All heavy atoms as atom14 arrays in JSON, in Angstrom:
{
  "sequence": "MWALIAGILNDGTLTFIAAEGMVKQLPLPKIVYI",
  "atom14_mask": [
    [1, 1, 1, 1, 1, 1, 1, 1, 0, 0, 0, 0, 0, 0],
    [1, 1, 1, 1, 1, 1, 1, 1, 1, 1, 1, 1, 1, 1],
    [1, 1, 1, 1, 1, 0, 0, 0, 0, 0, 0, 0, 0, 0],
    [1, 1, 1, 1, 1, 1, 1, 1, 0, 0, 0, 0, 0, 0],
    [1, 1, 1, 1, 1, 1, 1, 1, 0, 0, 0, 0, 0, 0],
    [1, 1, 1, 1, 1, 0, 0, 0, 0, 0, 0, 0, 0, 0],
    [1, 1, 1, 1, 0, 0, 0, 0, 0, 0, 0, 0, 0, 0],
    [1, 1, 1, 1, 1, 1, 1, 1, 0, 0, 0, 0, 0, 0],
    [1, 1, 1, 1, 1, 1, 1, 1, 0, 0, 0, 0, 0, 0],
    [1, 1, 1, 1, 1, 1, 1, 1, 0, 0, 0, 0, 0, 0],
    [1, 1, 1, 1, 1, 1, 1, 1, 0, 0, 0, 0, 0, 0],
    [1, 1, 1, 1, 0, 0, 0, 0, 0, 0, 0, 0, 0, 0],
    [1, 1, 1, 1, 1, 1, 1, 0, 0, 0, 0, 0, 0, 0],
    [1, 1, 1, 1, 1, 1, 1, 1, 0, 0, 0, 0, 0, 0],
    [1, 1, 1, 1, 1, 1, 1, 0, 0, 0, 0, 0, 0, 0],
    [1, 1, 1, 1, 1, 1, 1, 1, 1, 1, 1, 0, 0, 0],
    [1, 1, 1, 1, 1, 1, 1, 1, 0, 0, 0, 0, 0, 0],
    [1, 1, 1, 1, 1, 0, 0, 0, 0, 0, 0, 0, 0, 0],
    [1, 1, 1, 1, 1, 0, 0, 0, 0, 0, 0, 0, 0, 0],
    [1, 1, 1, 1, 1, 1, 1, 1, 1, 0, 0, 0, 0, 0],
    [1, 1, 1, 1, 0, 0, 0, 0, 0, 0, 0, 0, 0, 0],
    [1, 1, 1, 1, 1, 1, 1, 1, 0, 0, 0, 0, 0, 0],
    [1, 1, 1, 1, 1, 1, 1, 0, 0, 0, 0, 0, 0, 0],
    [1, 1, 1, 1, 1, 1, 1, 1, 1, 0, 0, 0, 0, 0],
    [1, 1, 1, 1, 1, 1, 1, 1, 1, 0, 0, 0, 0, 0],
    [1, 1, 1, 1, 1, 1, 1, 1, 0, 0, 0, 0, 0, 0],
    [1, 1, 1, 1, 1, 1, 1, 0, 0, 0, 0, 0, 0, 0],
    [1, 1, 1, 1, 1, 1, 1, 1, 0, 0, 0, 0, 0, 0],
    [1, 1, 1, 1, 1, 1, 1, 0, 0, 0, 0, 0, 0, 0],
    [1, 1, 1, 1, 1, 1, 1, 1, 1, 0, 0, 0, 0, 0],
    [1, 1, 1, 1, 1, 1, 1, 1, 0, 0, 0, 0, 0, 0],
    [1, 1, 1, 1, 1, 1, 1, 0, 0, 0, 0, 0, 0, 0],
    [1, 1, 1, 1, 1, 1, 1, 1, 1, 1, 1, 1, 0, 0],
    [1, 1, 1, 1, 1, 1, 1, 1, 0, 0, 0, 0, 0, 0]
  ],
  "atom14_positions": [
    [[-28.22, 18.84, -112.11], [-27.15, 19.08, -113.08], [-27.56, 18.67, -114.49], [-27.17, 19.31, -115.47], [-25.87, 18.35, -112.66], [-25.21, 18.9, -111.39], [-24.69, 20.63, -111.58], [-25.96, 21.48, -110.65], [0.0, 0.0, 0.0], [0.0, 0.0, 0.0], [0.0, 0.0, 0.0], [0.0, 0.0, 0.0], [0.0, 0.0, 0.0], [0.0, 0.0, 0.0]],
    [[-28.35, 17.62, -114.61], [-28.81, 17.21, -115.95], [-29.77, 18.25, -116.53], [-29.75, 18.52, -117.74], [-29.49, 15.85, -115.92], [-29.92, 15.42, -117.3], [-31.15, 15.55, -117.87], [-29.07, 14.83, -118.29], [-31.14, 15.08, -119.16], [-29.88, 14.63, -119.44], [-27.74, 14.45, -118.32], [-29.37, 14.06, -120.62], [-27.23, 13.89, -119.5], [-28.04, 13.7, -120.62]],
    [[-30.59, 18.85, -115.68], [-31.48, 19.91, -116.16], [-30.67, 21.07, -116.73], [-31.07, 21.69, -117.72], [-32.37, 20.4, -115.01], [0.0, 0.0, 0.0], [0.0, 0.0, 0.0], [0.0, 0.0, 0.0], [0.0, 0.0, 0.0], [0.0, 0.0, 0.0], [0.0, 0.0, 0.0], [0.0, 0.0, 0.0], [0.0, 0.0, 0.0], [0.0, 0.0, 0.0]],
    [[-29.53, 21.36, -116.11], [-28.66, 22.4, -116.62], [-28.08, 22.0, -117.97], [-28.07, 22.81, -118.92], [-27.52, 22.67, -115.62], [-26.45, 23.67, -116.05], [-27.04, 25.06, -116.26], [-25.32, 23.72, -115.01], [0.0, 0.0, 0.0], [0.0, 0.0, 0.0], [0.0, 0.0, 0.0], [0.0, 0.0, 0.0], [0.0, 0.0, 0.0], [0.0, 0.0, 0.0]],
    [[-27.61, 20.78, -118.07], [-27.03, 20.28, -119.33], [-28.06, 20.3, -120.45], [-27.83, 20.85, -121.53], [-26.48, 18.85, -119.14], [-25.26, 18.86, -118.22], [-26.12, 18.21, -120.49], [-24.77, 17.48, -117.81], [0.0, 0.0, 0.0], [0.0, 0.0, 0.0], [0.0, 0.0, 0.0], [0.0, 0.0, 0.0], [0.0, 0.0, 0.0], [0.0, 0.0, 0.0]],
    [[-29.22, 19.68, -120.2], [-30.26, 19.6, -121.22], [-30.8, 20.98, -121.58], [-31.12, 21.26, -122.74], [-31.39, 18.68, -120.75], [0.0, 0.0, 0.0], [0.0, 0.0, 0.0], [0.0, 0.0, 0.0], [0.0, 0.0, 0.0], [0.0, 0.0, 0.0], [0.0, 0.0, 0.0], [0.0, 0.0, 0.0], [0.0, 0.0, 0.0], [0.0, 0.0, 0.0]],
    [[-30.93, 21.85, -120.58], [-31.45, 23.18, -120.83], [-30.54, 23.98, -121.76], [-31.03, 24.63, -122.7], [0.0, 0.0, 0.0], [0.0, 0.0, 0.0], [0.0, 0.0, 0.0], [0.0, 0.0, 0.0], [0.0, 0.0, 0.0], [0.0, 0.0, 0.0], [0.0, 0.0, 0.0], [0.0, 0.0, 0.0], [0.0, 0.0, 0.0], [0.0, 0.0, 0.0]],
    [[-29.25, 23.94, -121.51], [-28.31, 24.69, -122.36], [-28.33, 24.15, -123.78], [-28.34, 24.92, -124.76], [-26.88, 24.62, -121.78], [-26.81, 25.44, -120.48], [-25.87, 25.15, -122.79], [-25.46, 25.36, -119.79], [0.0, 0.0, 0.0], [0.0, 0.0, 0.0], [0.0, 0.0, 0.0], [0.0, 0.0, 0.0], [0.0, 0.0, 0.0], [0.0, 0.0, 0.0]],
    [[-28.35, 22.83, -123.95], [-28.3, 22.26, -125.28], [-29.61, 22.43, -126.03], [-29.62, 22.77, -127.22], [-27.92, 20.77, -125.2], [-26.52, 20.49, -124.65], [-26.23, 19.0, -124.68], [-25.46, 21.25, -125.43], [0.0, 0.0, 0.0], [0.0, 0.0, 0.0], [0.0, 0.0, 0.0], [0.0, 0.0, 0.0], [0.0, 0.0, 0.0], [0.0, 0.0, 0.0]],
    [[-30.75, 22.21, -125.37], [-32.04, 22.4, -126.03], [-32.26, 23.86, -126.4], [-32.65, 24.18, -127.52], [-33.17, 21.91, -125.13], [-33.44, 20.42, -125.28], [-33.37, 19.88, -126.38], [-33.74, 19.75, -124.19], [0.0, 0.0, 0.0], [0.0, 0.0, 0.0], [0.0, 0.0, 0.0], [0.0, 0.0, 0.0], [0.0, 0.0, 0.0], [0.0, 0.0, 0.0]],
    [[-32.02, 24.75, -125.45], [-32.19, 26.17, -125.73], [-31.15, 26.66, -126.73], [-31.39, 27.59, -127.5], [-32.08, 26.99, -124.44], [-33.26, 26.8, -123.52], [-34.22, 26.12, -123.92], [-33.23, 27.34, -122.39], [0.0, 0.0, 0.0], [0.0, 0.0, 0.0], [0.0, 0.0, 0.0], [0.0, 0.0, 0.0], [0.0, 0.0, 0.0], [0.0, 0.0, 0.0]],
    [[-29.98, 26.01, -126.7], [-28.92, 26.4, -127.62], [-29.32, 26.25, -129.07], [-28.95, 27.07, -129.92], [0.0, 0.0, 0.0], [0.0, 0.0, 0.0], [0.0, 0.0, 0.0], [0.0, 0.0, 0.0], [0.0, 0.0, 0.0], [0.0, 0.0, 0.0], [0.0, 0.0, 0.0], [0.0, 0.0, 0.0], [0.0, 0.0, 0.0], [0.0, 0.0, 0.0]],
    [[-30.09, 25.22, -129.38], [-30.52, 25.01, -130.77], [-31.43, 26.15, -131.25], [-31.51, 26.41, -132.45], [-31.27, 23.68, -130.93], [-32.46, 23.7, -130.12], [-30.41, 22.5, -130.51], [0.0, 0.0, 0.0], [0.0, 0.0, 0.0], [0.0, 0.0, 0.0], [0.0, 0.0, 0.0], [0.0, 0.0, 0.0], [0.0, 0.0, 0.0], [0.0, 0.0, 0.0]],
    [[-32.09, 26.83, -130.32], [-33.02, 27.9, -130.68], [-32.44, 29.29, -130.45], [-33.15, 30.29, -130.52], [-34.32, 27.75, -129.87], [-35.07, 26.43, -130.04], [-36.21, 26.34, -129.03], [-35.6, 26.28, -131.45], [0.0, 0.0, 0.0], [0.0, 0.0, 0.0], [0.0, 0.0, 0.0], [0.0, 0.0, 0.0], [0.0, 0.0, 0.0], [0.0, 0.0, 0.0]],
    [[-31.14, 29.36, -130.16], [-30.51, 30.62, -129.78], [-30.82, 31.75, -130.76], [-31.31, 32.81, -130.37], [-28.98, 30.44, -129.69], [-28.69, 29.5, -128.66], [-28.31, 31.75, -129.36], [0.0, 0.0, 0.0], [0.0, 0.0, 0.0], [0.0, 0.0, 0.0], [0.0, 0.0, 0.0], [0.0, 0.0, 0.0], [0.0, 0.0, 0.0], [0.0, 0.0, 0.0]],
    [[-30.51, 31.56, -132.02], [-30.69, 32.62, -133.01], [-32.11, 32.66, -133.56], [-32.62, 33.72, -133.91], [-29.69, 32.45, -134.16], [-28.26, 32.47, -133.71], [-27.4, 31.43, -134.0], [-27.77, 33.55, -132.98], [-26.08, 31.44, -133.58], [-26.45, 33.58, -132.55], [-25.6, 32.52, -132.85], [0.0, 0.0, 0.0], [0.0, 0.0, 0.0], [0.0, 0.0, 0.0]],
    [[-32.75, 31.5, -133.61], [-34.12, 31.43, -134.11], [-35.05, 32.22, -133.2], [-35.9, 33.01, -133.66], [-34.59, 29.97, -134.22], [-33.71, 29.2, -135.19], [-36.05, 29.89, -134.62], [-33.95, 27.7, -135.22], [0.0, 0.0, 0.0], [0.0, 0.0, 0.0], [0.0, 0.0, 0.0], [0.0, 0.0, 0.0], [0.0, 0.0, 0.0], [0.0, 0.0, 0.0]],
    [[-34.92, 32.02, -131.88], [-35.78, 32.71, -130.92], [-35.49, 34.21, -130.87], [-36.36, 35.0, -130.5], [-35.6, 32.11, -129.53], [0.0, 0.0, 0.0], [0.0, 0.0, 0.0], [0.0, 0.0, 0.0], [0.0, 0.0, 0.0], [0.0, 0.0, 0.0], [0.0, 0.0, 0.0], [0.0, 0.0, 0.0], [0.0, 0.0, 0.0], [0.0, 0.0, 0.0]],
    [[-34.28, 34.6, -131.25], [-33.9, 36.02, -131.22], [-33.93, 36.63, -132.62], [-33.2, 37.58, -132.89], [-32.52, 36.17, -130.61], [0.0, 0.0, 0.0], [0.0, 0.0, 0.0], [0.0, 0.0, 0.0], [0.0, 0.0, 0.0], [0.0, 0.0, 0.0], [0.0, 0.0, 0.0], [0.0, 0.0, 0.0], [0.0, 0.0, 0.0], [0.0, 0.0, 0.0]],
    [[-34.78, 36.11, -133.47], [-34.81, 36.54, -134.88], [-34.9, 38.05, -135.03], [-34.15, 38.67, -135.79], [-36.0, 35.88, -135.59], [-36.16, 36.32, -137.04], [-37.36, 35.69, -137.72], [-38.02, 34.84, -137.08], [-37.65, 36.06, -138.88], [0.0, 0.0, 0.0], [0.0, 0.0, 0.0], [0.0, 0.0, 0.0], [0.0, 0.0, 0.0], [0.0, 0.0, 0.0]],
    [[-35.83, 38.68, -134.31], [-36.02, 40.12, -134.43], [-34.77, 40.9, -134.08], [-34.37, 41.83, -134.8], [0.0, 0.0, 0.0], [0.0, 0.0, 0.0], [0.0, 0.0, 0.0], [0.0, 0.0, 0.0], [0.0, 0.0, 0.0], [0.0, 0.0, 0.0], [0.0, 0.0, 0.0], [0.0, 0.0, 0.0], [0.0, 0.0, 0.0], [0.0, 0.0, 0.0]],
    [[-34.13, 40.52, -132.98], [-32.92, 41.22, -132.54], [-31.76, 40.97, -133.48], [-30.97, 41.88, -133.77], [-32.56, 40.79, -131.12], [-33.59, 41.15, -130.07], [-33.09, 40.66, -128.4], [-31.68, 41.74, -128.15], [0.0, 0.0, 0.0], [0.0, 0.0, 0.0], [0.0, 0.0, 0.0], [0.0, 0.0, 0.0], [0.0, 0.0, 0.0], [0.0, 0.0, 0.0]],
    [[-31.64, 39.73, -133.98], [-30.54, 39.4, -134.88], [-30.62, 40.23, -136.16], [-29.6, 40.7, -136.69], [-30.56, 37.88, -135.22], [-29.58, 37.57, -136.34], [-30.22, 37.06, -133.99], [0.0, 0.0, 0.0], [0.0, 0.0, 0.0], [0.0, 0.0, 0.0], [0.0, 0.0, 0.0], [0.0, 0.0, 0.0], [0.0, 0.0, 0.0], [0.0, 0.0, 0.0]],
    [[-31.85, 40.43, -136.65], [-32.02, 41.17, -137.9], [-31.92, 42.68, -137.73], [-31.52, 43.38, -138.65], [-33.39, 40.82, -138.51], [-33.48, 39.42, -139.08], [-34.84, 39.19, -139.71], [-34.91, 37.81, -140.38], [-36.24, 37.56, -140.98], [0.0, 0.0, 0.0], [0.0, 0.0, 0.0], [0.0, 0.0, 0.0], [0.0, 0.0, 0.0], [0.0, 0.0, 0.0]],
    [[-32.27, 43.18, -136.55], [-32.38, 44.63, -136.4], [-31.24, 45.28, -135.62], [-30.97, 46.47, -135.81], [-33.71, 44.96, -135.71], [-34.93, 44.54, -136.51], [-36.23, 44.81, -135.76], [-36.31, 45.74, -134.97], [-37.24, 43.99, -136.01], [0.0, 0.0, 0.0], [0.0, 0.0, 0.0], [0.0, 0.0, 0.0], [0.0, 0.0, 0.0], [0.0, 0.0, 0.0]],
    [[-30.59, 44.52, -134.73], [-29.56, 45.12, -133.88], [-28.18, 44.58, -134.23], [-28.01, 43.36, -134.4], [-29.87, 44.83, -132.41], [-31.2, 45.38, -131.87], [-31.4, 44.95, -130.42], [-31.24, 46.9, -131.98], [0.0, 0.0, 0.0], [0.0, 0.0, 0.0], [0.0, 0.0, 0.0], [0.0, 0.0, 0.0], [0.0, 0.0, 0.0], [0.0, 0.0, 0.0]],
    [[-27.19, 45.44, -134.31], [-25.83, 45.01, -134.65], [-25.06, 44.5, -133.43], [-23.95, 44.96, -133.13], [-25.2, 46.29, -135.22], [-25.86, 47.38, -134.44], [-27.29, 46.92, -134.2], [0.0, 0.0, 0.0], [0.0, 0.0, 0.0], [0.0, 0.0, 0.0], [0.0, 0.0, 0.0], [0.0, 0.0, 0.0], [0.0, 0.0, 0.0], [0.0, 0.0, 0.0]],
    [[-25.66, 43.56, -132.72], [-25.01, 43.0, -131.54], [-24.1, 41.84, -131.93], [-24.41, 41.1, -132.87], [-26.06, 42.51, -130.54], [-26.95, 43.56, -129.88], [-28.01, 42.87, -129.03], [-26.13, 44.52, -129.04], [0.0, 0.0, 0.0], [0.0, 0.0, 0.0], [0.0, 0.0, 0.0], [0.0, 0.0, 0.0], [0.0, 0.0, 0.0], [0.0, 0.0, 0.0]],
    [[-23.01, 41.64, -131.21], [-22.19, 40.44, -131.46], [-23.04, 39.19, -131.25], [-23.8, 39.1, -130.28], [-21.09, 40.55, -130.4], [-21.05, 41.99, -130.01], [-22.46, 42.48, -130.13], [0.0, 0.0, 0.0], [0.0, 0.0, 0.0], [0.0, 0.0, 0.0], [0.0, 0.0, 0.0], [0.0, 0.0, 0.0], [0.0, 0.0, 0.0], [0.0, 0.0, 0.0]],
    [[-22.93, 38.24, -132.13], [-23.77, 37.04, -132.07], [-23.54, 36.23, -130.79], [-24.42, 35.52, -130.32], [-23.52, 36.15, -133.29], [-23.8, 36.82, -134.62], [-25.24, 37.19, -134.76], [-25.57, 37.72, -136.16], [-24.85, 38.96, -136.51], [0.0, 0.0, 0.0], [0.0, 0.0, 0.0], [0.0, 0.0, 0.0], [0.0, 0.0, 0.0], [0.0, 0.0, 0.0]],
    [[-22.36, 36.37, -130.22], [-22.05, 35.61, -129.0], [-22.92, 36.05, -127.84], [-23.1, 35.31, -126.86], [-20.55, 35.76, -128.65], [-20.09, 34.6, -127.75], [-20.27, 37.09, -128.01], [-20.04, 33.28, -128.45], [0.0, 0.0, 0.0], [0.0, 0.0, 0.0], [0.0, 0.0, 0.0], [0.0, 0.0, 0.0], [0.0, 0.0, 0.0], [0.0, 0.0, 0.0]],
    [[-23.51, 37.24, -127.93], [-24.43, 37.73, -126.9], [-25.57, 36.75, -126.67], [-25.98, 36.51, -125.52], [-24.99, 39.12, -127.3], [-26.26, 39.44, -126.51], [-23.97, 40.21, -127.07], [0.0, 0.0, 0.0], [0.0, 0.0, 0.0], [0.0, 0.0, 0.0], [0.0, 0.0, 0.0], [0.0, 0.0, 0.0], [0.0, 0.0, 0.0], [0.0, 0.0, 0.0]],
    [[-26.06, 36.16, -127.73], [-27.23, 35.29, -127.62], [-26.88, 33.95, -126.97], [-27.73, 33.34, -126.31], [-27.85, 35.09, -129.0], [-28.19, 36.41, -129.66], [-27.43, 36.91, -130.72], [-29.25, 37.18, -129.18], [-27.73, 38.13, -131.31], [-29.55, 38.41, -129.76], [-28.78, 38.88, -130.82], [-29.07, 40.1, -131.38], [0.0, 0.0, 0.0], [0.0, 0.0, 0.0]],
    [[-25.63, 33.5, -127.14], [-25.19, 32.29, -126.45], [-25.05, 32.58, -124.96], [-25.46, 31.78, -124.1], [-23.86, 31.79, -127.03], [-24.07, 31.23, -128.44], [-23.24, 30.71, -126.13], [-24.93, 29.98, -128.5], [0.0, 0.0, 0.0], [0.0, 0.0, 0.0], [0.0, 0.0, 0.0], [0.0, 0.0, 0.0], [0.0, 0.0, 0.0], [0.0, 0.0, 0.0]]
  ]
}
């Protein structure tokens, strides 16, 4: 369960950064990346 907690929070900080190409090029709702 801690791996789940830490994974969501650590990956959460990179949500939009890691999806830079898609964020800039596709008109998707931002909540998709969360």
